[in-house]
N, C-alpha and C. Protein backbone atom coordinates (compact mmCIF):
# COMPACT_ATOMS: atom_id res chain seq x y z
N MET A 1 1.70 -30.40 -67.98
CA MET A 1 2.46 -29.28 -67.51
C MET A 1 2.02 -27.98 -68.19
N ASN A 2 1.70 -28.05 -69.49
CA ASN A 2 1.23 -26.87 -70.22
C ASN A 2 -0.08 -26.34 -69.65
N LEU A 3 -0.98 -27.24 -69.28
CA LEU A 3 -2.26 -26.86 -68.70
C LEU A 3 -2.05 -26.13 -67.37
N CYS A 4 -1.10 -26.60 -66.59
CA CYS A 4 -0.79 -25.98 -65.30
C CYS A 4 -0.28 -24.56 -65.50
N ARG A 5 0.62 -24.37 -66.47
CA ARG A 5 1.15 -23.02 -66.76
C ARG A 5 0.04 -22.10 -67.25
N THR A 6 -0.84 -22.61 -68.06
CA THR A 6 -1.95 -21.81 -68.58
C THR A 6 -2.87 -21.37 -67.45
N ILE A 7 -3.15 -22.27 -66.53
CA ILE A 7 -4.01 -21.94 -65.40
C ILE A 7 -3.34 -20.89 -64.51
N VAL A 8 -2.05 -21.05 -64.24
CA VAL A 8 -1.31 -20.09 -63.41
C VAL A 8 -1.29 -18.72 -64.10
N ALA A 9 -1.03 -18.72 -65.39
CA ALA A 9 -1.00 -17.45 -66.14
C ALA A 9 -2.37 -16.76 -66.10
N ALA A 10 -3.43 -17.54 -66.25
CA ALA A 10 -4.78 -16.99 -66.19
C ALA A 10 -5.08 -16.41 -64.81
N LEU A 11 -4.68 -17.13 -63.77
CA LEU A 11 -4.90 -16.63 -62.40
C LEU A 11 -4.13 -15.34 -62.14
N VAL A 12 -2.89 -15.27 -62.63
CA VAL A 12 -2.09 -14.04 -62.47
C VAL A 12 -2.75 -12.88 -63.20
N LEU A 13 -3.24 -13.14 -64.41
CA LEU A 13 -3.92 -12.10 -65.19
C LEU A 13 -5.18 -11.61 -64.47
N VAL A 14 -5.99 -12.53 -63.98
CA VAL A 14 -7.21 -12.16 -63.26
C VAL A 14 -6.87 -11.36 -62.01
N ALA A 15 -5.87 -11.79 -61.25
CA ALA A 15 -5.48 -11.08 -60.03
C ALA A 15 -5.00 -9.67 -60.35
N SER A 16 -4.24 -9.50 -61.43
CA SER A 16 -3.74 -8.16 -61.75
C SER A 16 -4.86 -7.25 -62.21
N VAL A 17 -5.82 -7.78 -62.96
CA VAL A 17 -6.97 -6.98 -63.40
C VAL A 17 -7.81 -6.57 -62.20
N LEU A 18 -8.09 -7.52 -61.31
CA LEU A 18 -8.88 -7.20 -60.11
C LEU A 18 -8.15 -6.20 -59.23
N GLY A 19 -6.86 -6.34 -59.06
CA GLY A 19 -6.09 -5.39 -58.25
C GLY A 19 -6.10 -4.01 -58.85
N SER A 20 -5.99 -3.93 -60.17
CA SER A 20 -6.02 -2.64 -60.86
C SER A 20 -7.38 -1.98 -60.71
N ALA A 21 -8.44 -2.75 -60.85
CA ALA A 21 -9.79 -2.19 -60.70
C ALA A 21 -10.02 -1.70 -59.28
N ALA A 22 -9.54 -2.43 -58.29
CA ALA A 22 -9.71 -2.01 -56.89
C ALA A 22 -8.95 -0.71 -56.64
N THR A 23 -7.76 -0.56 -57.21
CA THR A 23 -6.99 0.67 -57.04
C THR A 23 -7.73 1.85 -57.65
N ARG A 24 -8.29 1.68 -58.86
CA ARG A 24 -9.04 2.78 -59.49
C ARG A 24 -10.25 3.14 -58.66
N ALA A 25 -10.96 2.16 -58.12
CA ALA A 25 -12.14 2.44 -57.29
C ALA A 25 -11.73 3.18 -56.03
N ASP A 26 -10.60 2.79 -55.42
CA ASP A 26 -10.14 3.49 -54.22
C ASP A 26 -9.78 4.94 -54.54
N ASP A 27 -9.09 5.16 -55.66
CA ASP A 27 -8.71 6.52 -56.06
C ASP A 27 -9.94 7.38 -56.32
N ALA A 28 -10.95 6.81 -56.98
CA ALA A 28 -12.16 7.57 -57.30
C ALA A 28 -12.93 7.92 -56.04
N ASP A 29 -12.79 7.12 -55.00
CA ASP A 29 -13.55 7.33 -53.79
C ASP A 29 -12.87 8.28 -52.81
N LYS A 30 -11.62 8.67 -53.09
CA LYS A 30 -10.92 9.57 -52.18
C LYS A 30 -11.59 10.94 -52.20
N LEU A 31 -11.79 11.48 -51.02
CA LEU A 31 -12.37 12.81 -50.91
C LEU A 31 -11.36 13.87 -51.28
N LYS A 32 -11.82 14.86 -51.98
CA LYS A 32 -11.02 16.04 -52.27
C LYS A 32 -11.70 17.18 -51.51
N LEU A 33 -11.49 17.22 -50.21
CA LEU A 33 -12.20 18.19 -49.37
C LEU A 33 -11.96 19.60 -49.85
N GLY A 34 -13.05 20.32 -50.03
CA GLY A 34 -12.99 21.72 -50.41
C GLY A 34 -12.72 21.97 -51.88
N GLU A 35 -12.64 20.92 -52.69
CA GLU A 35 -12.39 21.08 -54.12
C GLU A 35 -13.63 20.69 -54.91
N PHE A 36 -13.81 21.35 -56.05
CA PHE A 36 -14.94 21.03 -56.92
C PHE A 36 -14.71 19.69 -57.58
N ILE A 37 -15.70 18.82 -57.51
CA ILE A 37 -15.65 17.51 -58.14
C ILE A 37 -16.75 17.49 -59.21
N PRO A 38 -16.36 17.54 -60.48
CA PRO A 38 -17.39 17.57 -61.53
C PRO A 38 -18.16 16.25 -61.59
N ALA A 39 -19.42 16.35 -61.95
CA ALA A 39 -20.24 15.16 -62.14
C ALA A 39 -19.76 14.43 -63.39
N ALA A 40 -19.79 13.11 -63.36
CA ALA A 40 -19.40 12.33 -64.54
C ALA A 40 -20.27 12.72 -65.72
N SER A 41 -21.55 12.86 -65.49
CA SER A 41 -22.47 13.42 -66.48
C SER A 41 -23.57 14.12 -65.69
N PRO A 42 -23.89 15.36 -66.08
CA PRO A 42 -24.92 16.11 -65.34
C PRO A 42 -26.24 15.34 -65.29
N GLN A 43 -26.82 15.31 -64.10
CA GLN A 43 -28.09 14.64 -63.88
C GLN A 43 -29.07 15.63 -63.26
N PRO A 44 -30.37 15.45 -63.48
CA PRO A 44 -31.35 16.36 -62.86
C PRO A 44 -31.23 16.33 -61.33
N ALA A 45 -31.29 17.49 -60.75
CA ALA A 45 -31.24 17.59 -59.28
C ALA A 45 -32.53 17.01 -58.72
N PRO A 46 -32.43 16.34 -57.57
CA PRO A 46 -33.66 15.82 -56.96
C PRO A 46 -34.57 16.96 -56.52
N GLU A 47 -35.85 16.70 -56.52
CA GLU A 47 -36.81 17.70 -56.07
C GLU A 47 -36.80 17.74 -54.55
N ILE A 48 -36.63 18.92 -54.01
CA ILE A 48 -36.68 19.09 -52.56
C ILE A 48 -37.55 20.28 -52.21
N SER A 49 -38.13 20.24 -51.04
CA SER A 49 -38.93 21.34 -50.53
C SER A 49 -38.26 21.86 -49.27
N LEU A 50 -38.23 23.17 -49.14
CA LEU A 50 -37.59 23.85 -48.02
C LEU A 50 -38.52 24.92 -47.50
N THR A 51 -38.09 25.61 -46.48
CA THR A 51 -38.76 26.85 -46.08
C THR A 51 -37.68 27.91 -45.96
N ASP A 52 -38.05 29.15 -46.24
CA ASP A 52 -37.07 30.21 -46.03
C ASP A 52 -37.09 30.60 -44.55
N SER A 53 -36.23 31.51 -44.18
CA SER A 53 -36.10 31.84 -42.75
C SER A 53 -37.36 32.49 -42.18
N ALA A 54 -38.23 32.99 -43.07
CA ALA A 54 -39.50 33.58 -42.61
C ALA A 54 -40.61 32.55 -42.54
N GLY A 55 -40.30 31.29 -42.91
CA GLY A 55 -41.30 30.23 -42.84
C GLY A 55 -42.07 30.01 -44.13
N ASN A 56 -41.70 30.72 -45.20
CA ASN A 56 -42.38 30.56 -46.49
C ASN A 56 -41.85 29.32 -47.21
N PRO A 57 -42.76 28.55 -47.84
CA PRO A 57 -42.30 27.35 -48.55
C PRO A 57 -41.50 27.72 -49.81
N ALA A 58 -40.55 26.87 -50.14
CA ALA A 58 -39.75 27.03 -51.36
C ALA A 58 -39.40 25.64 -51.85
N ALA A 59 -39.24 25.52 -53.15
CA ALA A 59 -38.82 24.25 -53.75
C ALA A 59 -37.66 24.53 -54.67
N LEU A 60 -36.82 23.55 -54.87
CA LEU A 60 -35.69 23.72 -55.77
C LEU A 60 -36.18 24.10 -57.17
N ALA A 61 -37.33 23.58 -57.57
CA ALA A 61 -37.90 23.89 -58.88
C ALA A 61 -38.17 25.39 -59.04
N ASP A 62 -38.36 26.10 -57.94
CA ASP A 62 -38.60 27.55 -58.00
C ASP A 62 -37.39 28.30 -58.56
N PHE A 63 -36.24 27.65 -58.58
CA PHE A 63 -35.01 28.32 -59.00
C PHE A 63 -34.55 27.87 -60.39
N LYS A 64 -35.41 27.15 -61.10
CA LYS A 64 -35.08 26.74 -62.46
C LYS A 64 -34.87 28.01 -63.30
N GLY A 65 -33.87 27.98 -64.15
CA GLY A 65 -33.53 29.17 -64.94
C GLY A 65 -32.43 29.99 -64.29
N LYS A 66 -32.02 29.58 -63.07
CA LYS A 66 -30.95 30.27 -62.36
C LYS A 66 -29.78 29.31 -62.13
N PHE A 67 -28.59 29.86 -62.09
CA PHE A 67 -27.39 29.10 -61.76
C PHE A 67 -27.32 29.07 -60.24
N VAL A 68 -27.37 27.85 -59.65
CA VAL A 68 -27.56 27.69 -58.21
C VAL A 68 -26.37 27.00 -57.55
N LEU A 69 -26.01 27.51 -56.39
CA LEU A 69 -25.08 26.81 -55.51
C LEU A 69 -25.87 26.44 -54.27
N LEU A 70 -26.19 25.15 -54.14
CA LEU A 70 -26.96 24.64 -53.01
C LEU A 70 -25.96 24.18 -51.96
N ASN A 71 -25.92 24.89 -50.84
CA ASN A 71 -24.97 24.61 -49.77
C ASN A 71 -25.71 24.02 -48.58
N LEU A 72 -25.35 22.79 -48.21
CA LEU A 72 -25.94 22.14 -47.03
C LEU A 72 -24.99 22.36 -45.86
N TRP A 73 -25.51 22.92 -44.78
CA TRP A 73 -24.67 23.29 -43.65
C TRP A 73 -25.46 23.20 -42.35
N ALA A 74 -24.79 23.40 -41.23
CA ALA A 74 -25.44 23.44 -39.92
C ALA A 74 -24.63 24.32 -38.98
N THR A 75 -25.30 24.88 -38.00
CA THR A 75 -24.63 25.80 -37.07
C THR A 75 -23.59 25.09 -36.20
N TRP A 76 -23.74 23.78 -35.98
CA TRP A 76 -22.83 23.02 -35.14
C TRP A 76 -21.62 22.48 -35.90
N CYS A 77 -21.58 22.67 -37.19
CA CYS A 77 -20.55 22.11 -38.07
C CYS A 77 -19.40 23.11 -38.21
N GLN A 78 -18.23 22.78 -37.64
CA GLN A 78 -17.09 23.70 -37.66
C GLN A 78 -16.62 24.08 -39.06
N PRO A 79 -16.46 23.13 -40.01
CA PRO A 79 -16.08 23.55 -41.36
C PRO A 79 -17.13 24.45 -42.02
N CYS A 80 -18.40 24.24 -41.66
CA CYS A 80 -19.47 25.10 -42.18
C CYS A 80 -19.28 26.53 -41.70
N LEU A 81 -18.98 26.67 -40.40
CA LEU A 81 -18.80 28.00 -39.82
C LEU A 81 -17.67 28.74 -40.51
N LYS A 82 -16.61 28.00 -40.82
CA LYS A 82 -15.45 28.61 -41.46
C LYS A 82 -15.76 29.06 -42.89
N GLU A 83 -16.56 28.29 -43.63
CA GLU A 83 -16.80 28.62 -45.04
C GLU A 83 -17.92 29.65 -45.25
N MET A 84 -18.81 29.83 -44.30
CA MET A 84 -19.97 30.71 -44.51
C MET A 84 -19.60 32.14 -44.90
N PRO A 85 -18.61 32.78 -44.27
CA PRO A 85 -18.27 34.14 -44.71
C PRO A 85 -17.79 34.20 -46.17
N SER A 86 -17.06 33.17 -46.62
CA SER A 86 -16.60 33.19 -48.01
C SER A 86 -17.76 32.93 -48.97
N LEU A 87 -18.75 32.18 -48.52
CA LEU A 87 -19.95 31.95 -49.32
C LEU A 87 -20.72 33.27 -49.48
N ALA A 88 -20.83 34.02 -48.39
CA ALA A 88 -21.50 35.32 -48.44
C ALA A 88 -20.74 36.28 -49.35
N ALA A 89 -19.41 36.27 -49.28
CA ALA A 89 -18.59 37.14 -50.14
C ALA A 89 -18.76 36.76 -51.61
N LEU A 90 -18.81 35.46 -51.90
CA LEU A 90 -19.01 35.00 -53.27
C LEU A 90 -20.35 35.49 -53.79
N GLN A 91 -21.40 35.34 -53.00
CA GLN A 91 -22.73 35.81 -53.42
C GLN A 91 -22.70 37.30 -53.70
N ALA A 92 -22.04 38.06 -52.84
CA ALA A 92 -21.97 39.51 -53.03
C ALA A 92 -21.23 39.87 -54.33
N LYS A 93 -20.14 39.17 -54.63
CA LYS A 93 -19.35 39.47 -55.83
C LYS A 93 -20.05 39.06 -57.11
N LEU A 94 -20.73 37.91 -57.10
CA LEU A 94 -21.34 37.42 -58.33
C LEU A 94 -22.78 37.90 -58.51
N GLY A 95 -23.37 38.45 -57.46
CA GLY A 95 -24.70 39.04 -57.55
C GLY A 95 -25.73 38.12 -58.15
N SER A 96 -26.49 38.64 -59.11
CA SER A 96 -27.60 37.88 -59.68
C SER A 96 -27.15 36.75 -60.61
N GLY A 97 -25.85 36.68 -60.93
CA GLY A 97 -25.35 35.59 -61.77
C GLY A 97 -25.33 34.27 -61.04
N LEU A 98 -25.41 34.32 -59.71
CA LEU A 98 -25.37 33.12 -58.89
C LEU A 98 -26.43 33.22 -57.81
N THR A 99 -27.17 32.14 -57.62
CA THR A 99 -28.15 32.07 -56.54
C THR A 99 -27.63 31.07 -55.52
N VAL A 100 -27.24 31.57 -54.35
CA VAL A 100 -26.78 30.70 -53.28
C VAL A 100 -27.98 30.33 -52.43
N LEU A 101 -28.19 29.03 -52.29
CA LEU A 101 -29.22 28.53 -51.38
C LEU A 101 -28.48 27.89 -50.22
N ALA A 102 -28.37 28.63 -49.13
CA ALA A 102 -27.69 28.13 -47.93
C ALA A 102 -28.75 27.41 -47.09
N VAL A 103 -28.71 26.07 -47.15
CA VAL A 103 -29.75 25.25 -46.54
C VAL A 103 -29.26 24.69 -45.20
N SER A 104 -29.82 25.20 -44.12
CA SER A 104 -29.46 24.74 -42.79
C SER A 104 -30.14 23.40 -42.51
N GLU A 105 -29.34 22.46 -42.05
CA GLU A 105 -29.84 21.14 -41.69
C GLU A 105 -30.07 21.03 -40.17
N ASP A 106 -30.05 22.16 -39.48
CA ASP A 106 -30.27 22.17 -38.03
C ASP A 106 -31.69 21.72 -37.71
N ARG A 107 -31.81 20.77 -36.80
CA ARG A 107 -33.13 20.25 -36.40
C ARG A 107 -33.97 21.32 -35.70
N GLY A 108 -33.34 22.28 -35.07
CA GLY A 108 -34.06 23.33 -34.36
C GLY A 108 -34.64 24.40 -35.25
N GLY A 109 -34.35 24.36 -36.54
CA GLY A 109 -34.92 25.32 -37.49
C GLY A 109 -34.55 26.76 -37.19
N ALA A 110 -35.49 27.65 -37.45
CA ALA A 110 -35.26 29.09 -37.33
C ALA A 110 -34.84 29.52 -35.93
N ASP A 111 -35.30 28.82 -34.90
CA ASP A 111 -34.95 29.19 -33.53
C ASP A 111 -33.44 29.09 -33.30
N ILE A 112 -32.78 28.18 -33.97
CA ILE A 112 -31.33 28.01 -33.85
C ILE A 112 -30.59 28.85 -34.88
N VAL A 113 -31.12 28.86 -36.11
CA VAL A 113 -30.42 29.46 -37.24
C VAL A 113 -30.45 30.99 -37.23
N ALA A 114 -31.58 31.58 -36.93
CA ALA A 114 -31.70 33.05 -36.98
C ALA A 114 -30.68 33.75 -36.08
N PRO A 115 -30.54 33.36 -34.81
CA PRO A 115 -29.53 34.02 -33.97
C PRO A 115 -28.10 33.81 -34.50
N PHE A 116 -27.84 32.64 -35.05
CA PHE A 116 -26.53 32.35 -35.61
C PHE A 116 -26.22 33.28 -36.79
N VAL A 117 -27.17 33.43 -37.69
CA VAL A 117 -27.00 34.29 -38.87
C VAL A 117 -26.76 35.74 -38.43
N ALA A 118 -27.54 36.21 -37.46
CA ALA A 118 -27.38 37.57 -36.96
C ALA A 118 -26.02 37.76 -36.30
N LYS A 119 -25.61 36.82 -35.46
CA LYS A 119 -24.34 36.91 -34.74
C LYS A 119 -23.14 36.96 -35.68
N HIS A 120 -23.22 36.21 -36.78
CA HIS A 120 -22.09 36.11 -37.71
C HIS A 120 -22.21 37.04 -38.91
N GLY A 121 -23.22 37.91 -38.93
CA GLY A 121 -23.36 38.88 -40.01
C GLY A 121 -23.55 38.26 -41.38
N LEU A 122 -24.35 37.21 -41.45
CA LEU A 122 -24.56 36.51 -42.72
C LEU A 122 -25.88 36.90 -43.37
N ASP A 123 -26.34 38.10 -43.10
CA ASP A 123 -27.63 38.56 -43.61
C ASP A 123 -27.68 38.63 -45.13
N ALA A 124 -26.52 38.72 -45.80
CA ALA A 124 -26.50 38.79 -47.26
C ALA A 124 -26.87 37.46 -47.90
N LEU A 125 -26.76 36.37 -47.15
CA LEU A 125 -27.12 35.05 -47.68
C LEU A 125 -28.61 34.79 -47.48
N LYS A 126 -29.22 34.21 -48.47
CA LYS A 126 -30.60 33.78 -48.34
C LYS A 126 -30.56 32.40 -47.69
N ILE A 127 -31.08 32.32 -46.48
CA ILE A 127 -31.02 31.09 -45.69
C ILE A 127 -32.33 30.31 -45.83
N TYR A 128 -32.19 29.02 -46.03
CA TYR A 128 -33.32 28.11 -46.09
C TYR A 128 -33.18 27.09 -44.98
N LEU A 129 -34.31 26.54 -44.56
CA LEU A 129 -34.34 25.60 -43.44
C LEU A 129 -34.80 24.23 -43.91
N ASP A 130 -34.13 23.22 -43.43
CA ASP A 130 -34.45 21.83 -43.75
C ASP A 130 -34.23 20.98 -42.50
N PRO A 131 -35.05 21.19 -41.44
CA PRO A 131 -34.81 20.51 -40.17
C PRO A 131 -34.93 18.99 -40.22
N LYS A 132 -35.55 18.44 -41.26
CA LYS A 132 -35.66 16.98 -41.38
C LYS A 132 -34.58 16.39 -42.28
N SER A 133 -33.66 17.24 -42.74
CA SER A 133 -32.53 16.82 -43.58
C SER A 133 -32.95 16.10 -44.85
N THR A 134 -34.07 16.52 -45.42
CA THR A 134 -34.52 15.88 -46.66
C THR A 134 -33.55 16.17 -47.82
N ALA A 135 -32.94 17.35 -47.84
CA ALA A 135 -31.99 17.67 -48.90
C ALA A 135 -30.75 16.80 -48.80
N THR A 136 -30.25 16.62 -47.58
CA THR A 136 -29.08 15.77 -47.38
C THR A 136 -29.34 14.36 -47.89
N HIS A 137 -30.51 13.84 -47.59
CA HIS A 137 -30.87 12.49 -48.04
C HIS A 137 -31.10 12.44 -49.55
N ALA A 138 -31.83 13.42 -50.08
CA ALA A 138 -32.15 13.42 -51.51
C ALA A 138 -30.89 13.52 -52.37
N PHE A 139 -29.93 14.30 -51.91
CA PHE A 139 -28.68 14.48 -52.67
C PHE A 139 -27.61 13.46 -52.27
N ALA A 140 -27.92 12.60 -51.31
CA ALA A 140 -26.97 11.58 -50.82
C ALA A 140 -25.66 12.22 -50.37
N ALA A 141 -25.77 13.33 -49.66
CA ALA A 141 -24.58 14.01 -49.13
C ALA A 141 -23.97 13.13 -48.03
N ARG A 142 -22.65 13.02 -48.04
CA ARG A 142 -21.97 12.15 -47.07
C ARG A 142 -21.63 12.88 -45.78
N GLY A 143 -21.81 14.17 -45.75
CA GLY A 143 -21.51 14.94 -44.56
C GLY A 143 -21.75 16.42 -44.83
N LEU A 144 -21.47 17.22 -43.83
CA LEU A 144 -21.63 18.67 -43.94
C LEU A 144 -20.28 19.34 -43.73
N PRO A 145 -20.04 20.42 -44.41
CA PRO A 145 -20.84 20.99 -45.49
C PRO A 145 -20.63 20.22 -46.78
N THR A 146 -21.65 20.21 -47.59
CA THR A 146 -21.58 19.71 -48.95
C THR A 146 -22.37 20.69 -49.81
N SER A 147 -21.80 21.04 -50.94
CA SER A 147 -22.44 21.99 -51.85
C SER A 147 -22.58 21.36 -53.23
N PHE A 148 -23.66 21.71 -53.90
CA PHE A 148 -23.93 21.21 -55.24
C PHE A 148 -24.11 22.38 -56.19
N VAL A 149 -23.44 22.30 -57.33
CA VAL A 149 -23.57 23.32 -58.37
C VAL A 149 -24.62 22.82 -59.35
N ILE A 150 -25.65 23.62 -59.54
CA ILE A 150 -26.80 23.22 -60.36
C ILE A 150 -26.97 24.26 -61.47
N ASP A 151 -27.01 23.80 -62.71
CA ASP A 151 -27.12 24.73 -63.83
C ASP A 151 -28.53 25.28 -63.95
N ASP A 152 -28.71 26.20 -64.90
CA ASP A 152 -30.00 26.86 -65.06
C ASP A 152 -31.09 25.93 -65.59
N ASN A 153 -30.72 24.72 -66.02
CA ASN A 153 -31.70 23.72 -66.44
C ASN A 153 -32.05 22.74 -65.32
N GLY A 154 -31.45 22.93 -64.15
CA GLY A 154 -31.75 22.07 -63.01
C GLY A 154 -30.90 20.81 -62.93
N ASN A 155 -29.76 20.79 -63.64
CA ASN A 155 -28.87 19.63 -63.61
C ASN A 155 -27.71 19.86 -62.67
N VAL A 156 -27.35 18.83 -61.91
CA VAL A 156 -26.21 18.91 -61.00
C VAL A 156 -24.93 18.75 -61.83
N LEU A 157 -24.09 19.80 -61.79
CA LEU A 157 -22.84 19.79 -62.55
C LEU A 157 -21.67 19.23 -61.75
N GLY A 158 -21.81 19.24 -60.43
CA GLY A 158 -20.76 18.73 -59.57
C GLY A 158 -21.01 19.13 -58.14
N LYS A 159 -20.02 18.83 -57.30
CA LYS A 159 -20.20 19.11 -55.88
C LYS A 159 -18.87 19.45 -55.23
N VAL A 160 -18.98 19.98 -54.03
CA VAL A 160 -17.83 20.23 -53.17
C VAL A 160 -18.17 19.62 -51.82
N GLU A 161 -17.34 18.69 -51.38
CA GLU A 161 -17.53 18.08 -50.07
C GLU A 161 -16.52 18.69 -49.12
N GLY A 162 -16.98 19.07 -47.95
CA GLY A 162 -16.11 19.72 -46.98
C GLY A 162 -16.12 21.23 -47.19
N GLY A 163 -15.51 21.92 -46.26
CA GLY A 163 -15.46 23.37 -46.33
C GLY A 163 -14.62 23.85 -47.50
N ALA A 164 -15.06 24.94 -48.12
CA ALA A 164 -14.36 25.51 -49.26
C ALA A 164 -14.14 26.99 -49.06
N ASP A 165 -13.14 27.51 -49.72
CA ASP A 165 -12.93 28.96 -49.77
C ASP A 165 -13.63 29.45 -51.03
N TRP A 166 -14.92 29.71 -50.91
CA TRP A 166 -15.76 30.05 -52.05
C TRP A 166 -15.34 31.34 -52.74
N ASP A 167 -14.72 32.23 -52.00
CA ASP A 167 -14.36 33.53 -52.57
C ASP A 167 -12.93 33.53 -53.13
N SER A 168 -12.29 32.38 -53.21
CA SER A 168 -10.94 32.33 -53.75
C SER A 168 -10.97 32.52 -55.28
N ASP A 169 -9.85 32.98 -55.83
CA ASP A 169 -9.75 33.14 -57.28
C ASP A 169 -10.01 31.82 -57.99
N GLU A 170 -9.45 30.75 -57.43
CA GLU A 170 -9.59 29.42 -58.04
C GLU A 170 -11.05 28.98 -58.10
N MET A 171 -11.77 29.14 -56.99
CA MET A 171 -13.17 28.70 -56.96
C MET A 171 -14.04 29.58 -57.86
N ARG A 172 -13.78 30.89 -57.86
CA ARG A 172 -14.56 31.77 -58.75
C ARG A 172 -14.30 31.41 -60.20
N ALA A 173 -13.06 31.08 -60.55
CA ALA A 173 -12.74 30.69 -61.93
C ALA A 173 -13.44 29.39 -62.30
N THR A 174 -13.47 28.44 -61.37
CA THR A 174 -14.15 27.16 -61.61
C THR A 174 -15.63 27.41 -61.87
N LEU A 175 -16.26 28.22 -61.04
CA LEU A 175 -17.68 28.51 -61.21
C LEU A 175 -17.94 29.29 -62.50
N ALA A 176 -17.05 30.22 -62.84
CA ALA A 176 -17.22 31.02 -64.06
C ALA A 176 -17.27 30.14 -65.30
N LYS A 177 -16.49 29.06 -65.31
CA LYS A 177 -16.47 28.14 -66.45
C LYS A 177 -17.81 27.41 -66.58
N LEU A 178 -18.51 27.24 -65.47
CA LEU A 178 -19.76 26.48 -65.47
C LEU A 178 -20.99 27.35 -65.66
N MET A 179 -20.86 28.64 -65.37
CA MET A 179 -22.01 29.53 -65.43
C MET A 179 -22.45 29.74 -66.87
N PRO A 180 -23.76 29.94 -67.08
CA PRO A 180 -24.22 30.22 -68.44
C PRO A 180 -23.65 31.55 -68.93
N ALA A 181 -23.44 31.62 -70.22
CA ALA A 181 -22.92 32.86 -70.83
C ALA A 181 -23.95 33.96 -70.67
N LYS A 182 -23.45 35.15 -70.36
CA LYS A 182 -24.36 36.30 -70.24
C LYS A 182 -24.73 36.77 -71.64
N PRO A 183 -26.00 37.11 -71.85
CA PRO A 183 -26.39 37.62 -73.18
C PRO A 183 -25.68 38.94 -73.45
N SER A 184 -25.25 39.11 -74.69
CA SER A 184 -24.54 40.36 -75.01
C SER A 184 -25.44 41.41 -75.58
């Protein structure tokens, strides 16, 4: 009888531990759309190659030494359309302290993106093209828009999945905490 109780107690313990672990995994996997999700530990950003809207090649490595917000978006993505003006406003307010790389994942490239940028007055943003979605794959983005905050050493500090209000006080404060200190 004692052996039976011991086995039952062990099974109950194992079931409670497994249930607790599954709950934590489910909680960790919940999306916080539009909110900054810090990286567990900063990791080097994957190397990607892009082209700018004029067709000139660019690589993420070209921006080493700069605090970067890499935004993956597309003209057909409704949350992307909503967040783009706030991204442009954020870039305007933070100026050279922040480098926004707005990377279009549109397969049509400049033919699709250029008229969209002109129509929506997004000329203040530096637009990059990635018609083969190599950035989306390299960063393992689960959807669009997804943005990655990359420090001046090229490490990913965190991400935002879904549309965000980039020009909000809360988002600017979050980014300010992550930005390198300005030399005095």
